[in-house]
N, C-alpha and C. Protein backbone atom coordinates (compact mmCIF):
# COMPACT_ATOMS: atom_id res chain seq x y z
N MET A 1 45.58 34.05 76.87
CA MET A 1 46.08 32.70 76.95
C MET A 1 45.75 32.01 75.62
N SER A 2 46.72 31.38 75.04
CA SER A 2 46.54 30.72 73.75
C SER A 2 47.03 29.29 73.83
N LEU A 3 46.42 28.42 73.04
CA LEU A 3 46.87 27.03 73.00
C LEU A 3 48.27 26.92 72.43
N LYS A 4 48.73 27.95 71.73
CA LYS A 4 50.09 27.95 71.20
C LYS A 4 51.12 27.93 72.33
N ASN A 5 50.71 28.35 73.52
CA ASN A 5 51.62 28.38 74.66
C ASN A 5 51.86 26.99 75.26
N PHE A 6 51.12 26.00 74.78
CA PHE A 6 51.23 24.65 75.32
C PHE A 6 51.74 23.72 74.23
N SER A 7 52.73 22.92 74.58
CA SER A 7 53.26 22.00 73.57
C SER A 7 53.36 20.59 74.14
N LEU A 8 53.08 19.65 73.29
CA LEU A 8 53.12 18.24 73.64
C LEU A 8 54.56 17.75 73.60
N VAL A 9 54.94 16.96 74.58
CA VAL A 9 56.28 16.39 74.65
C VAL A 9 56.22 14.98 74.05
N ASP A 10 57.26 14.59 73.34
CA ASP A 10 57.32 13.26 72.73
C ASP A 10 57.08 12.18 73.79
N LYS A 11 56.21 11.24 73.47
CA LYS A 11 55.85 10.10 74.33
C LYS A 11 55.08 10.51 75.59
N GLN A 12 54.55 11.73 75.63
CA GLN A 12 53.79 12.21 76.79
C GLN A 12 52.52 11.39 76.95
N MET A 13 52.21 11.04 78.21
CA MET A 13 51.02 10.23 78.51
C MET A 13 50.10 10.91 79.51
N GLY A 14 50.48 12.08 80.00
CA GLY A 14 49.64 12.75 80.98
C GLY A 14 50.04 14.19 81.17
N LEU A 15 49.26 14.87 81.99
CA LEU A 15 49.58 16.26 82.33
C LEU A 15 48.99 16.59 83.69
N ALA A 16 49.64 17.53 84.36
CA ALA A 16 49.15 18.07 85.62
C ALA A 16 48.92 19.55 85.37
N VAL A 17 47.78 20.05 85.82
CA VAL A 17 47.39 21.44 85.54
C VAL A 17 47.26 22.21 86.85
N PHE A 18 47.90 23.37 86.88
CA PHE A 18 47.76 24.31 87.99
C PHE A 18 46.97 25.50 87.48
N ILE A 19 45.93 25.91 88.23
CA ILE A 19 45.18 27.12 87.93
C ILE A 19 45.18 27.98 89.18
N ASP A 20 45.60 29.20 89.03
CA ASP A 20 45.68 30.15 90.14
C ASP A 20 46.54 29.57 91.27
N GLY A 21 47.62 28.90 90.90
CA GLY A 21 48.55 28.38 91.88
C GLY A 21 48.13 27.10 92.56
N LYS A 22 46.96 26.55 92.20
CA LYS A 22 46.48 25.32 92.82
C LYS A 22 46.33 24.23 91.76
N ILE A 23 46.53 22.99 92.18
CA ILE A 23 46.36 21.89 91.24
C ILE A 23 44.88 21.79 90.89
N ALA A 24 44.59 21.91 89.60
CA ALA A 24 43.21 21.79 89.13
C ALA A 24 42.92 20.34 88.75
N GLY A 25 43.91 19.64 88.20
CA GLY A 25 43.67 18.27 87.82
C GLY A 25 44.88 17.60 87.23
N VAL A 26 44.78 16.30 87.14
CA VAL A 26 45.80 15.46 86.52
C VAL A 26 45.07 14.54 85.55
N GLU A 27 45.59 14.44 84.35
CA GLU A 27 45.01 13.57 83.32
C GLU A 27 46.08 12.58 82.87
N PHE A 28 45.67 11.32 82.70
CA PHE A 28 46.60 10.27 82.28
C PHE A 28 45.90 9.33 81.32
N LEU A 29 46.58 8.98 80.25
CA LEU A 29 46.12 7.93 79.35
C LEU A 29 47.25 6.91 79.23
N GLY A 30 46.92 5.66 79.23
CA GLY A 30 47.90 4.58 79.28
C GLY A 30 48.73 4.40 78.03
N GLN A 31 48.41 5.11 76.95
CA GLN A 31 49.19 5.01 75.71
C GLN A 31 49.45 6.41 75.18
N HIS A 32 50.71 6.69 74.86
CA HIS A 32 51.06 8.05 74.45
C HIS A 32 50.38 8.46 73.15
N ASP A 33 50.12 7.51 72.23
CA ASP A 33 49.45 7.89 70.97
C ASP A 33 47.99 8.29 71.23
N LYS A 34 47.35 7.67 72.20
CA LYS A 34 45.98 8.05 72.56
C LYS A 34 45.97 9.40 73.26
N PHE A 35 46.96 9.63 74.12
CA PHE A 35 47.06 10.92 74.80
C PHE A 35 47.27 12.04 73.78
N GLN A 36 48.10 11.78 72.79
CA GLN A 36 48.37 12.77 71.76
C GLN A 36 47.08 13.19 71.04
N LEU A 37 46.16 12.25 70.82
CA LEU A 37 44.89 12.55 70.16
C LEU A 37 44.00 13.46 71.00
N LEU A 38 44.07 13.34 72.32
CA LEU A 38 43.20 14.11 73.21
C LEU A 38 43.86 15.34 73.81
N TYR A 39 45.15 15.49 73.61
CA TYR A 39 45.92 16.55 74.27
C TYR A 39 45.28 17.93 74.13
N HIS A 40 44.99 18.37 72.93
CA HIS A 40 44.47 19.73 72.73
C HIS A 40 43.08 19.90 73.35
N LYS A 41 42.26 18.86 73.34
CA LYS A 41 40.95 18.94 73.97
C LYS A 41 41.09 19.05 75.49
N LEU A 42 42.02 18.28 76.04
CA LEU A 42 42.25 18.35 77.49
C LEU A 42 42.75 19.74 77.88
N VAL A 43 43.75 20.23 77.17
CA VAL A 43 44.28 21.56 77.48
C VAL A 43 43.19 22.61 77.32
N SER A 44 42.40 22.52 76.27
CA SER A 44 41.31 23.48 76.04
C SER A 44 40.32 23.49 77.20
N SER A 45 40.02 22.31 77.74
CA SER A 45 39.05 22.24 78.84
C SER A 45 39.58 22.98 80.07
N TYR A 46 40.87 22.87 80.34
CA TYR A 46 41.46 23.57 81.48
C TYR A 46 41.62 25.06 81.19
N VAL A 47 41.95 25.42 79.97
CA VAL A 47 42.07 26.83 79.60
C VAL A 47 40.73 27.53 79.80
N MET A 48 39.63 26.87 79.42
CA MET A 48 38.30 27.46 79.61
C MET A 48 38.02 27.70 81.09
N ASP A 49 38.42 26.77 81.95
CA ASP A 49 38.25 26.97 83.39
C ASP A 49 39.08 28.16 83.87
N ALA A 50 40.31 28.26 83.41
CA ALA A 50 41.18 29.37 83.82
C ALA A 50 40.60 30.70 83.35
N LEU A 51 40.09 30.74 82.13
CA LEU A 51 39.50 31.97 81.60
C LEU A 51 38.24 32.35 82.37
N GLU A 52 37.43 31.38 82.72
CA GLU A 52 36.21 31.66 83.49
C GLU A 52 36.54 32.28 84.83
N ASN A 53 37.65 31.87 85.40
CA ASN A 53 38.06 32.38 86.71
C ASN A 53 38.96 33.60 86.60
N ASN A 54 39.13 34.16 85.39
CA ASN A 54 39.98 35.33 85.16
C ASN A 54 41.38 35.15 85.74
N VAL A 55 41.98 34.02 85.46
CA VAL A 55 43.29 33.71 86.01
C VAL A 55 44.38 34.27 85.10
N GLU A 56 45.26 35.03 85.68
CA GLU A 56 46.47 35.48 85.01
C GLU A 56 47.62 34.82 85.74
N ALA A 57 48.22 33.83 85.15
CA ALA A 57 49.28 33.09 85.83
C ALA A 57 50.55 33.92 85.90
N SER A 58 51.08 34.04 87.08
CA SER A 58 52.36 34.74 87.24
C SER A 58 53.49 33.73 87.05
N LYS A 59 54.67 34.25 86.85
CA LYS A 59 55.84 33.39 86.69
C LYS A 59 55.99 32.47 87.90
N GLU A 60 55.74 33.03 89.07
CA GLU A 60 55.85 32.25 90.30
C GLU A 60 54.85 31.10 90.31
N GLN A 61 53.63 31.35 89.85
CA GLN A 61 52.60 30.31 89.85
C GLN A 61 52.88 29.23 88.81
N THR A 62 53.47 29.58 87.70
CA THR A 62 53.72 28.58 86.67
C THR A 62 54.92 27.70 86.99
N THR A 63 55.67 28.05 88.00
CA THR A 63 56.82 27.23 88.40
C THR A 63 56.56 26.58 89.76
N ARG A 64 55.32 26.13 89.96
CA ARG A 64 54.93 25.52 91.22
C ARG A 64 55.80 24.32 91.55
N SER A 65 55.84 24.03 92.81
CA SER A 65 56.68 22.97 93.32
C SER A 65 56.23 21.59 92.87
N PHE A 66 57.18 20.81 92.48
CA PHE A 66 56.93 19.41 92.16
C PHE A 66 56.37 18.70 93.39
N ASN A 67 56.75 19.18 94.58
CA ASN A 67 56.27 18.57 95.83
C ASN A 67 54.76 18.67 95.98
N ALA A 68 54.15 19.76 95.50
CA ALA A 68 52.70 19.91 95.58
C ALA A 68 52.01 18.84 94.74
N LEU A 69 52.58 18.54 93.59
CA LEU A 69 52.03 17.49 92.73
C LEU A 69 52.19 16.12 93.38
N ILE A 70 53.35 15.86 93.95
CA ILE A 70 53.59 14.58 94.63
C ILE A 70 52.60 14.41 95.78
N GLU A 71 52.36 15.46 96.55
CA GLU A 71 51.41 15.40 97.66
C GLU A 71 49.99 15.12 97.16
N PHE A 72 49.60 15.78 96.06
CA PHE A 72 48.29 15.57 95.48
C PHE A 72 48.13 14.12 95.04
N LEU A 73 49.13 13.58 94.35
CA LEU A 73 49.07 12.19 93.88
C LEU A 73 49.07 11.21 95.06
N ALA A 74 49.81 11.53 96.10
CA ALA A 74 49.81 10.67 97.29
C ALA A 74 48.43 10.66 97.94
N ASN A 75 47.78 11.84 98.00
CA ASN A 75 46.41 11.90 98.54
C ASN A 75 45.46 11.08 97.67
N ALA A 76 45.62 11.16 96.36
CA ALA A 76 44.77 10.38 95.45
C ALA A 76 44.98 8.88 95.68
N ALA A 77 46.23 8.48 95.86
CA ALA A 77 46.54 7.06 96.06
C ALA A 77 45.94 6.53 97.36
N LYS A 78 45.76 7.40 98.35
CA LYS A 78 45.19 6.99 99.65
C LYS A 78 43.66 7.08 99.67
N SER A 79 43.07 7.64 98.63
CA SER A 79 41.62 7.85 98.60
C SER A 79 40.89 6.52 98.48
N PRO A 80 39.74 6.42 99.16
CA PRO A 80 38.91 5.21 99.00
C PRO A 80 38.51 5.05 97.54
N MET A 81 38.61 3.82 97.04
CA MET A 81 38.33 3.56 95.62
C MET A 81 37.18 2.57 95.48
N ASP A 82 36.33 2.87 94.52
CA ASP A 82 35.23 1.99 94.16
C ASP A 82 35.56 1.44 92.78
N ARG A 83 35.56 0.13 92.65
CA ARG A 83 35.92 -0.52 91.38
C ARG A 83 34.75 -1.40 90.96
N ARG A 84 34.18 -1.08 89.79
CA ARG A 84 33.03 -1.84 89.29
C ARG A 84 33.28 -2.27 87.86
N LYS A 85 32.64 -3.34 87.46
CA LYS A 85 32.75 -3.81 86.08
C LYS A 85 32.26 -2.70 85.16
N SER A 86 33.04 -2.40 84.15
CA SER A 86 32.68 -1.37 83.19
C SER A 86 31.54 -1.84 82.29
N VAL A 87 30.83 -0.90 81.71
CA VAL A 87 29.73 -1.23 80.81
C VAL A 87 30.25 -2.01 79.60
N SER A 88 31.45 -1.66 79.12
CA SER A 88 31.98 -2.38 77.96
C SER A 88 33.08 -3.36 78.37
N VAL A 89 34.30 -2.88 78.55
CA VAL A 89 35.40 -3.75 78.94
C VAL A 89 36.11 -3.18 80.15
N GLY A 90 36.77 -4.04 80.90
CA GLY A 90 37.57 -3.57 82.02
C GLY A 90 36.76 -3.18 83.24
N TRP A 91 37.38 -2.30 84.03
CA TRP A 91 36.81 -1.88 85.31
C TRP A 91 36.71 -0.37 85.37
N ASP A 92 35.56 0.11 85.81
CA ASP A 92 35.34 1.52 86.05
C ASP A 92 35.87 1.82 87.45
N ILE A 93 36.74 2.79 87.57
CA ILE A 93 37.35 3.15 88.85
C ILE A 93 36.84 4.53 89.26
N ARG A 94 36.40 4.66 90.49
CA ARG A 94 36.00 5.95 91.06
C ARG A 94 36.70 6.09 92.40
N LEU A 95 37.22 7.28 92.67
CA LEU A 95 37.81 7.52 93.97
C LEU A 95 37.42 8.91 94.45
N GLU A 96 37.33 9.02 95.76
CA GLU A 96 36.97 10.31 96.35
C GLU A 96 37.46 10.36 97.79
N SER A 97 38.05 11.49 98.13
CA SER A 97 38.44 11.78 99.50
C SER A 97 38.06 13.22 99.78
N GLU A 98 38.50 13.74 100.88
CA GLU A 98 38.18 15.11 101.25
C GLU A 98 38.73 16.11 100.23
N ASN A 99 39.89 15.80 99.62
CA ASN A 99 40.56 16.75 98.73
C ASN A 99 40.61 16.35 97.26
N VAL A 100 40.35 15.09 96.95
CA VAL A 100 40.56 14.57 95.60
C VAL A 100 39.32 13.81 95.14
N VAL A 101 39.00 13.94 93.85
CA VAL A 101 37.97 13.12 93.24
C VAL A 101 38.52 12.66 91.90
N GLY A 102 38.21 11.43 91.51
CA GLY A 102 38.76 10.92 90.26
C GLY A 102 37.97 9.77 89.68
N ALA A 103 38.26 9.51 88.40
CA ALA A 103 37.62 8.40 87.70
C ALA A 103 38.56 7.90 86.63
N GLY A 104 38.41 6.62 86.31
CA GLY A 104 39.27 6.05 85.29
C GLY A 104 38.77 4.71 84.80
N LEU A 105 39.57 4.12 83.95
CA LEU A 105 39.27 2.82 83.38
C LEU A 105 40.50 1.94 83.47
N GLU A 106 40.31 0.76 84.04
CA GLU A 106 41.38 -0.24 84.16
C GLU A 106 41.02 -1.40 83.26
N PHE A 107 42.02 -1.90 82.53
CA PHE A 107 41.80 -3.06 81.66
C PHE A 107 43.05 -3.93 81.73
N GLU A 108 42.85 -5.21 82.03
CA GLU A 108 43.94 -6.18 82.14
C GLU A 108 45.06 -5.66 83.04
N ASN A 109 44.67 -5.19 84.23
CA ASN A 109 45.58 -4.69 85.26
C ASN A 109 46.41 -3.48 84.85
N GLN A 110 45.95 -2.72 83.88
CA GLN A 110 46.62 -1.49 83.48
C GLN A 110 45.61 -0.35 83.46
N ILE A 111 46.05 0.82 83.89
CA ILE A 111 45.19 2.00 83.84
C ILE A 111 45.22 2.53 82.41
N LEU A 112 44.05 2.52 81.75
CA LEU A 112 43.95 3.06 80.40
C LEU A 112 43.68 4.55 80.42
N GLN A 113 42.93 5.00 81.41
CA GLN A 113 42.59 6.42 81.53
C GLN A 113 42.34 6.73 82.98
N LEU A 114 42.81 7.91 83.42
CA LEU A 114 42.57 8.35 84.79
C LEU A 114 42.53 9.87 84.81
N SER A 115 41.49 10.41 85.41
CA SER A 115 41.35 11.85 85.62
C SER A 115 41.23 12.09 87.11
N LEU A 116 42.07 12.96 87.65
CA LEU A 116 42.05 13.32 89.06
C LEU A 116 41.87 14.82 89.17
N PHE A 117 41.02 15.25 90.10
CA PHE A 117 40.75 16.67 90.27
C PHE A 117 40.87 17.07 91.73
N GLN A 118 41.35 18.28 91.95
CA GLN A 118 41.31 18.88 93.28
C GLN A 118 39.85 19.12 93.59
N LYS A 119 39.39 18.65 94.71
CA LYS A 119 37.99 18.78 95.06
C LYS A 119 37.75 20.18 95.62
N ASP A 120 36.90 20.91 94.95
CA ASP A 120 36.54 22.27 95.38
C ASP A 120 35.07 22.45 95.09
N ILE A 121 34.23 22.06 96.01
CA ILE A 121 32.79 22.05 95.79
C ILE A 121 32.25 23.44 95.52
N GLY A 122 32.87 24.47 96.05
CA GLY A 122 32.38 25.82 95.86
C GLY A 122 32.65 26.41 94.49
N GLN A 123 33.49 25.80 93.70
CA GLN A 123 33.83 26.34 92.39
C GLN A 123 32.67 26.20 91.42
N LYS A 124 32.46 27.25 90.62
CA LYS A 124 31.38 27.22 89.64
C LYS A 124 31.67 26.17 88.58
N THR A 125 30.62 25.50 88.12
CA THR A 125 30.74 24.58 87.02
C THR A 125 29.76 25.00 85.95
N GLY A 126 30.06 24.67 84.73
CA GLY A 126 29.18 25.08 83.65
C GLY A 126 28.73 23.91 82.83
N ASN A 127 27.57 24.04 82.21
CA ASN A 127 27.12 23.04 81.26
C ASN A 127 27.73 23.37 79.92
N ASN A 128 28.20 22.37 79.26
CA ASN A 128 28.93 22.60 78.04
C ASN A 128 28.58 21.50 77.05
N GLU A 129 28.32 21.86 75.83
CA GLU A 129 27.91 20.88 74.82
C GLU A 129 29.05 20.46 73.91
N ARG A 130 30.28 20.87 74.22
CA ARG A 130 31.41 20.47 73.39
C ARG A 130 31.69 18.98 73.58
N PRO A 131 32.39 18.36 72.61
CA PRO A 131 32.69 16.93 72.72
C PRO A 131 33.40 16.56 74.02
N MET A 132 34.28 17.44 74.53
CA MET A 132 34.90 17.17 75.81
C MET A 132 34.48 18.28 76.76
N ARG A 133 33.88 17.90 77.87
CA ARG A 133 33.44 18.89 78.84
C ARG A 133 34.63 19.54 79.51
N ARG A 134 34.42 20.74 79.99
CA ARG A 134 35.48 21.43 80.71
C ARG A 134 35.85 20.61 81.93
N ALA A 135 37.07 20.79 82.38
CA ALA A 135 37.56 20.03 83.53
C ALA A 135 36.66 20.22 84.74
N SER A 136 36.20 21.44 84.99
CA SER A 136 35.33 21.67 86.15
C SER A 136 34.02 20.90 86.03
N GLY A 137 33.48 20.79 84.83
CA GLY A 137 32.25 20.04 84.63
C GLY A 137 32.45 18.56 84.83
N ARG A 138 33.59 18.04 84.39
CA ARG A 138 33.88 16.62 84.60
C ARG A 138 34.09 16.34 86.09
N ARG A 139 34.79 17.24 86.78
CA ARG A 139 35.00 17.07 88.22
C ARG A 139 33.66 17.11 88.94
N HIS A 140 32.79 18.05 88.58
CA HIS A 140 31.49 18.21 89.23
C HIS A 140 30.68 16.91 89.14
N ASN A 141 30.74 16.23 88.02
CA ASN A 141 30.00 14.97 87.86
C ASN A 141 30.53 13.85 88.72
N LEU A 142 31.78 13.95 89.16
CA LEU A 142 32.37 12.89 89.96
C LEU A 142 32.09 13.05 91.45
N VAL A 143 31.80 14.27 91.89
CA VAL A 143 31.56 14.49 93.31
C VAL A 143 30.21 13.90 93.66
N ARG A 144 30.19 13.05 94.65
CA ARG A 144 28.96 12.34 95.04
C ARG A 144 28.12 13.18 95.97
């Protein structure tokens, strides 16, 4: 698996990632230029999770149903949300349900950043000293 296999789309502001046929996470930034700056780090974090799990994506798995993503997002939207004043500006958002865990930042009634993960407590997580932690490590920190 190589980062060359992933390409950024013009004006892209988010991505949904499937690993082993299951939604691993959804990442969103409220401005496409900010997303463009983080794109390769985000993709790298998910690639590391896929490699750790020895995932070989089949053609069938890479063409997963749009309906699975819609269902995941609907579950996230129904999840109980905790909204607290952020340390710097805006509001820190945390959400968690049986299947979804997420965190983000809201400023002036707009979502600036949001990360949503499929909740899988049994999945291994690793400590990582890179500037952006692997997706599994970020998800692990959100589970209460």
